[in-house]
Amino acid sequence: MAQNQFLIDSDKLTPEALKRKHQVEQDPSARTDPMEYMEGMERISSDIMEKVLDQMRGYEPQEYTDADVCRALMHETCTVDDLKALLSPAALPHLEEMAVRAKQETGRHFGNTVYLFTPLYIANYCENYCVYCGFNRYNDICVKG
């Protein structure tokens, strides 16, 4: 297996932290599941996730036709069924038209602006294991000079 140039062991980590770092690198099941409630988290009752999962489970892409895709593209606002049609194989011949529509919608909602978001952390590290993130407590910044 090729060495991952982005997984760098830091000499600043304790042996225990280094062991944990290697564990989460090699065993994805050892990572924190962001979809699970952790101890002390407030649980807000909502059926939204179940509605989304029901729609996903009931999605049959092959059932959508070219007419469904054309109808979805004509609607000013997409319904859930429109979105399913636009994600189906029947939409393949309409990719250019979909791209034009997406550009129009983006311009209509956001104009010609770019929004940048940055996370706000109370500490200077995070317990999650996002390999790309500078706040990942197991990452060491590789400085090439």
C-alpha atoms as a PDB file:
ATOM      1  CA  MET A   1       0.000   0.000   0.000  1.00  0.00           C
ATOM      2  CA  ALA A   2       1.311   3.449  -0.908  1.00  0.00           C
ATOM      3  CA  GLN A   3       2.261   5.805   1.901  1.00  0.00           C
ATOM      4  CA  ASN A   4      -0.281   8.600   2.306  1.00  0.00           C
ATOM      5  CA  GLN A   5       1.706  11.838   2.189  1.00  0.00           C
ATOM      6  CA  PHE A   6      -1.052  13.685   4.075  1.00  0.00           C
ATOM      7  CA  LEU A   7      -1.007  11.488   7.189  1.00  0.00           C
ATOM      8  CA  ILE A   8       1.940  12.856   9.103  1.00  0.00           C
ATOM      9  CA  ASP A   9       2.902  11.716  12.584  1.00  0.00           C
ATOM     10  CA  SER A  10       3.548  14.640  14.882  1.00  0.00           C
ATOM     11  CA  ASP A  11       6.314  14.522  17.430  1.00  0.00           C
ATOM     12  CA  LYS A  12       4.040  16.715  19.559  1.00  0.00           C
ATOM     13  CA  LEU A  13       1.587  13.855  20.173  1.00  0.00           C
ATOM     14  CA  THR A  14       1.781  11.672  23.254  1.00  0.00           C
ATOM     15  CA  PRO A  15       2.200   7.915  22.642  1.00  0.00           C
ATOM     16  CA  GLU A  16      -1.485   7.492  23.558  1.00  0.00           C
ATOM     17  CA  ALA A  17      -2.587  10.162  21.067  1.00  0.00           C
ATOM     18  CA  LEU A  18      -0.326   8.692  18.381  1.00  0.00           C
ATOM     19  CA  LYS A  19      -1.884   5.260  18.951  1.00  0.00           C
ATOM     20  CA  ARG A  20      -5.368   6.804  18.634  1.00  0.00           C
ATOM     21  CA  LYS A  21      -4.303   8.665  15.471  1.00  0.00           C
ATOM     22  CA  HIS A  22      -3.155   5.437  13.832  1.00  0.00           C
ATOM     23  CA  GLN A  23      -6.347   3.684  14.911  1.00  0.00           C
ATOM     24  CA  VAL A  24      -8.641   6.261  13.295  1.00  0.00           C
ATOM     25  CA  GLU A  25      -6.469   6.337  10.158  1.00  0.00           C
ATOM     26  CA  GLN A  26      -6.663   2.589   9.667  1.00  0.00           C
ATOM     27  CA  ASP A  27     -10.101   1.733  11.064  1.00  0.00           C
ATOM     28  CA  PRO A  28     -12.958   4.021   9.979  1.00  0.00           C
ATOM     29  CA  SER A  29     -15.279   2.366  12.523  1.00  0.00           C
ATOM     30  CA  ALA A  30     -13.120   3.908  15.280  1.00  0.00           C
ATOM     31  CA  ARG A  31     -14.082   7.401  14.131  1.00  0.00           C
ATOM     32  CA  THR A  32     -16.863   9.443  15.681  1.00  0.00           C
ATOM     33  CA  ASP A  33     -20.129   9.052  13.787  1.00  0.00           C
ATOM     34  CA  PRO A  34     -21.396  12.624  13.288  1.00  0.00           C
ATOM     35  CA  MET A  35     -24.949  11.301  12.875  1.00  0.00           C
ATOM     36  CA  GLU A  36     -25.080   9.820  16.397  1.00  0.00           C
ATOM     37  CA  TYR A  37     -26.032  11.768  19.477  1.00  0.00           C
ATOM     38  CA  MET A  38     -23.197  11.984  21.952  1.00  0.00           C
ATOM     39  CA  GLU A  39     -23.565  12.114  25.706  1.00  0.00           C
ATOM     40  CA  GLY A  40     -24.890  15.462  26.859  1.00  0.00           C
ATOM     41  CA  MET A  41     -26.199  16.554  23.450  1.00  0.00           C
ATOM     42  CA  GLU A  42     -29.662  18.055  23.335  1.00  0.00           C
ATOM     43  CA  ARG A  43     -32.094  15.905  21.396  1.00  0.00           C
ATOM     44  CA  ILE A  44     -34.499  17.922  19.297  1.00  0.00           C
ATOM     45  CA  SER A  45     -37.481  15.920  18.169  1.00  0.00           C
ATOM     46  CA  SER A  46     -37.931  16.053  14.389  1.00  0.00           C
ATOM     47  CA  ASP A  47     -39.250  13.805  11.664  1.00  0.00           C
ATOM     48  CA  ILE A  48     -37.257  15.498   8.886  1.00  0.00           C
ATOM     49  CA  MET A  49     -34.487  12.896   8.730  1.00  0.00           C
ATOM     50  CA  GLU A  50     -36.989  10.045   8.550  1.00  0.00           C
ATOM     51  CA  LYS A  51     -38.892  11.821   5.744  1.00  0.00           C
ATOM     52  CA  VAL A  52     -35.659  12.228   3.775  1.00  0.00           C
ATOM     53  CA  LEU A  53     -34.682   8.587   4.339  1.00  0.00           C
ATOM     54  CA  ASP A  54     -38.171   7.432   3.274  1.00  0.00           C
ATOM     55  CA  GLN A  55     -37.846   9.408   0.036  1.00  0.00           C
ATOM     56  CA  MET A  56     -34.401   7.932  -0.559  1.00  0.00           C
ATOM     57  CA  ARG A  57     -35.586   4.367   0.078  1.00  0.00           C
ATOM     58  CA  GLY A  58     -38.549   4.864  -2.261  1.00  0.00           C
ATOM     59  CA  TYR A  59     -36.503   6.356  -5.101  1.00  0.00           C
ATOM     60  CA  GLU A  60     -36.702   4.269  -8.285  1.00  0.00           C
ATOM     61  CA  PRO A  61     -34.581   6.190 -10.847  1.00  0.00           C
ATOM     62  CA  GLN A  62     -35.574   3.990 -13.784  1.00  0.00           C
ATOM     63  CA  GLU A  63     -39.239   4.952 -13.360  1.00  0.00           C
ATOM     64  CA  TYR A  64     -38.648   8.537 -14.547  1.00  0.00           C
ATOM     65  CA  THR A  65     -39.071   9.467 -18.191  1.00  0.00           C
ATOM     66  CA  ASP A  66     -37.894  12.246 -20.464  1.00  0.00           C
ATOM     67  CA  ALA A  67     -41.309  13.886 -20.018  1.00  0.00           C
ATOM     68  CA  ASP A  68     -40.809  13.903 -16.220  1.00  0.00           C
ATOM     69  CA  VAL A  69     -37.450  15.640 -16.667  1.00  0.00           C
ATOM     70  CA  CYS A  70     -38.885  18.237 -19.074  1.00  0.00           C
ATOM     71  CA  ARG A  71     -41.766  18.907 -16.678  1.00  0.00           C
ATOM     72  CA  ALA A  72     -39.316  19.362 -13.780  1.00  0.00           C
ATOM     73  CA  LEU A  73     -37.252  21.835 -15.797  1.00  0.00           C
ATOM     74  CA  MET A  74     -40.373  23.888 -16.596  1.00  0.00           C
ATOM     75  CA  HIS A  75     -41.398  24.301 -12.954  1.00  0.00           C
ATOM     76  CA  GLU A  76     -40.322  27.518 -11.282  1.00  0.00           C
ATOM     77  CA  THR A  77     -39.729  25.646  -8.018  1.00  0.00           C
ATOM     78  CA  CYS A  78     -38.605  22.023  -7.853  1.00  0.00           C
ATOM     79  CA  THR A  79     -40.681  19.533  -5.927  1.00  0.00           C
ATOM     80  CA  VAL A  80     -39.151  16.411  -4.402  1.00  0.00           C
ATOM     81  CA  ASP A  81     -40.451  14.441  -7.375  1.00  0.00           C
ATOM     82  CA  ASP A  82     -38.881  16.976  -9.773  1.00  0.00           C
ATOM     83  CA  LEU A  83     -35.538  16.538  -8.038  1.00  0.00           C
ATOM     84  CA  LYS A  84     -35.818  12.766  -8.340  1.00  0.00           C
ATOM     85  CA  ALA A  85     -36.505  13.109 -12.076  1.00  0.00           C
ATOM     86  CA  LEU A  86     -33.502  15.418 -12.493  1.00  0.00           C
ATOM     87  CA  LEU A  87     -31.291  12.857 -10.731  1.00  0.00           C
ATOM     88  CA  SER A  88     -32.563   9.953 -12.831  1.00  0.00           C
ATOM     89  CA  PRO A  89     -30.891   8.453 -15.915  1.00  0.00           C
ATOM     90  CA  ALA A  90     -33.645  10.056 -18.021  1.00  0.00           C
ATOM     91  CA  ALA A  91     -32.033  13.452 -17.282  1.00  0.00           C
ATOM     92  CA  LEU A  92     -28.746  12.587 -19.000  1.00  0.00           C
ATOM     93  CA  PRO A  93     -29.691  14.188 -22.354  1.00  0.00           C
ATOM     94  CA  HIS A  94     -30.679  17.370 -20.469  1.00  0.00           C
ATOM     95  CA  LEU A  95     -27.392  18.049 -18.635  1.00  0.00           C
ATOM     96  CA  GLU A  96     -26.640  21.246 -20.552  1.00  0.00           C
ATOM     97  CA  GLU A  97     -30.150  22.578 -19.983  1.00  0.00           C
ATOM     98  CA  MET A  98     -29.876  21.655 -16.283  1.00  0.00           C
ATOM     99  CA  ALA A  99     -26.534  23.480 -16.023  1.00  0.00           C
ATOM    100  CA  VAL A 100     -28.025  26.630 -17.550  1.00  0.00           C
ATOM    101  CA  ARG A 101     -30.978  26.431 -15.157  1.00  0.00           C
ATOM    102  CA  ALA A 102     -28.673  25.861 -12.176  1.00  0.00           C
ATOM    103  CA  LYS A 103     -26.611  28.926 -13.131  1.00  0.00           C
ATOM    104  CA  GLN A 104     -29.789  31.017 -13.379  1.00  0.00           C
ATOM    105  CA  GLU A 105     -31.050  29.795 -10.003  1.00  0.00           C
ATOM    106  CA  THR A 106     -27.697  30.409  -8.348  1.00  0.00           C
ATOM    107  CA  GLY A 107     -27.597  33.943  -9.746  1.00  0.00           C
ATOM    108  CA  ARG A 108     -31.159  34.589  -8.690  1.00  0.00           C
ATOM    109  CA  HIS A 109     -30.530  33.536  -5.096  1.00  0.00           C
ATOM    110  CA  PHE A 110     -26.928  34.628  -4.537  1.00  0.00           C
ATOM    111  CA  GLY A 111     -26.029  37.099  -7.298  1.00  0.00           C
ATOM    112  CA  ASN A 112     -22.353  37.372  -8.170  1.00  0.00           C
ATOM    113  CA  THR A 113     -21.095  37.057  -4.626  1.00  0.00           C
ATOM    114  CA  VAL A 114     -18.940  34.508  -2.892  1.00  0.00           C
ATOM    115  CA  TYR A 115     -19.716  33.558   0.689  1.00  0.00           C
ATOM    116  CA  LEU A 116     -16.976  32.223   2.923  1.00  0.00           C
ATOM    117  CA  PHE A 117     -17.805  30.376   6.098  1.00  0.00           C
ATOM    118  CA  THR A 118     -15.378  29.521   8.823  1.00  0.00           C
ATOM    119  CA  PRO A 119     -15.950  27.270  11.798  1.00  0.00           C
ATOM    120  CA  LEU A 120     -15.788  28.783  15.247  1.00  0.00           C
ATOM    121  CA  TYR A 121     -14.030  26.565  17.745  1.00  0.00           C
ATOM    122  CA  ILE A 122     -13.788  27.114  21.478  1.00  0.00           C
ATOM    123  CA  ALA A 123     -10.562  25.060  21.556  1.00  0.00           C
ATOM    124  CA  ASN A 124      -7.667  24.973  19.106  1.00  0.00           C
ATOM    125  CA  TYR A 125      -8.342  21.352  18.165  1.00  0.00           C
ATOM    126  CA  CYS A 126     -11.276  19.116  17.264  1.00  0.00           C
ATOM    127  CA  GLU A 127     -12.019  15.492  18.155  1.00  0.00           C
ATOM    128  CA  ASN A 128     -13.388  14.682  14.683  1.00  0.00           C
ATOM    129  CA  TYR A 129     -11.097  13.034  12.186  1.00  0.00           C
ATOM    130  CA  CYS A 130     -11.235  15.090   9.001  1.00  0.00           C
ATOM    131  CA  VAL A 131      -7.934  14.393   7.262  1.00  0.00           C
ATOM    132  CA  TYR A 132      -7.977  17.749   5.417  1.00  0.00           C
ATOM    133  CA  CYS A 133      -8.692  19.921   8.457  1.00  0.00           C
ATOM    134  CA  GLY A 134      -6.135  21.987  10.323  1.00  0.00           C
ATOM    135  CA  PHE A 135      -8.205  21.736  13.510  1.00  0.00           C
ATOM    136  CA  ASN A 136      -7.967  17.923  13.541  1.00  0.00           C
ATOM    137  CA  ARG A 137      -6.073  17.197  16.752  1.00  0.00           C
ATOM    138  CA  TYR A 138      -4.137  14.398  15.045  1.00  0.00           C
ATOM    139  CA  ASN A 139      -2.897  16.463  12.122  1.00  0.00           C
ATOM    140  CA  ASP A 140       0.468  18.138  12.057  1.00  0.00           C
ATOM    141  CA  ILE A 141       0.925  20.886   9.518  1.00  0.00           C
ATOM    142  CA  CYS A 142       3.451  19.880   6.880  1.00  0.00           C
ATOM    143  CA  VAL A 143       5.522  22.941   6.046  1.00  0.00           C
ATOM    144  CA  LYS A 144       7.632  22.611   2.920  1.00  0.00           C
ATOM    145  CA  GLY A 145      10.339  25.189   2.557  1.00  0.00           C
END
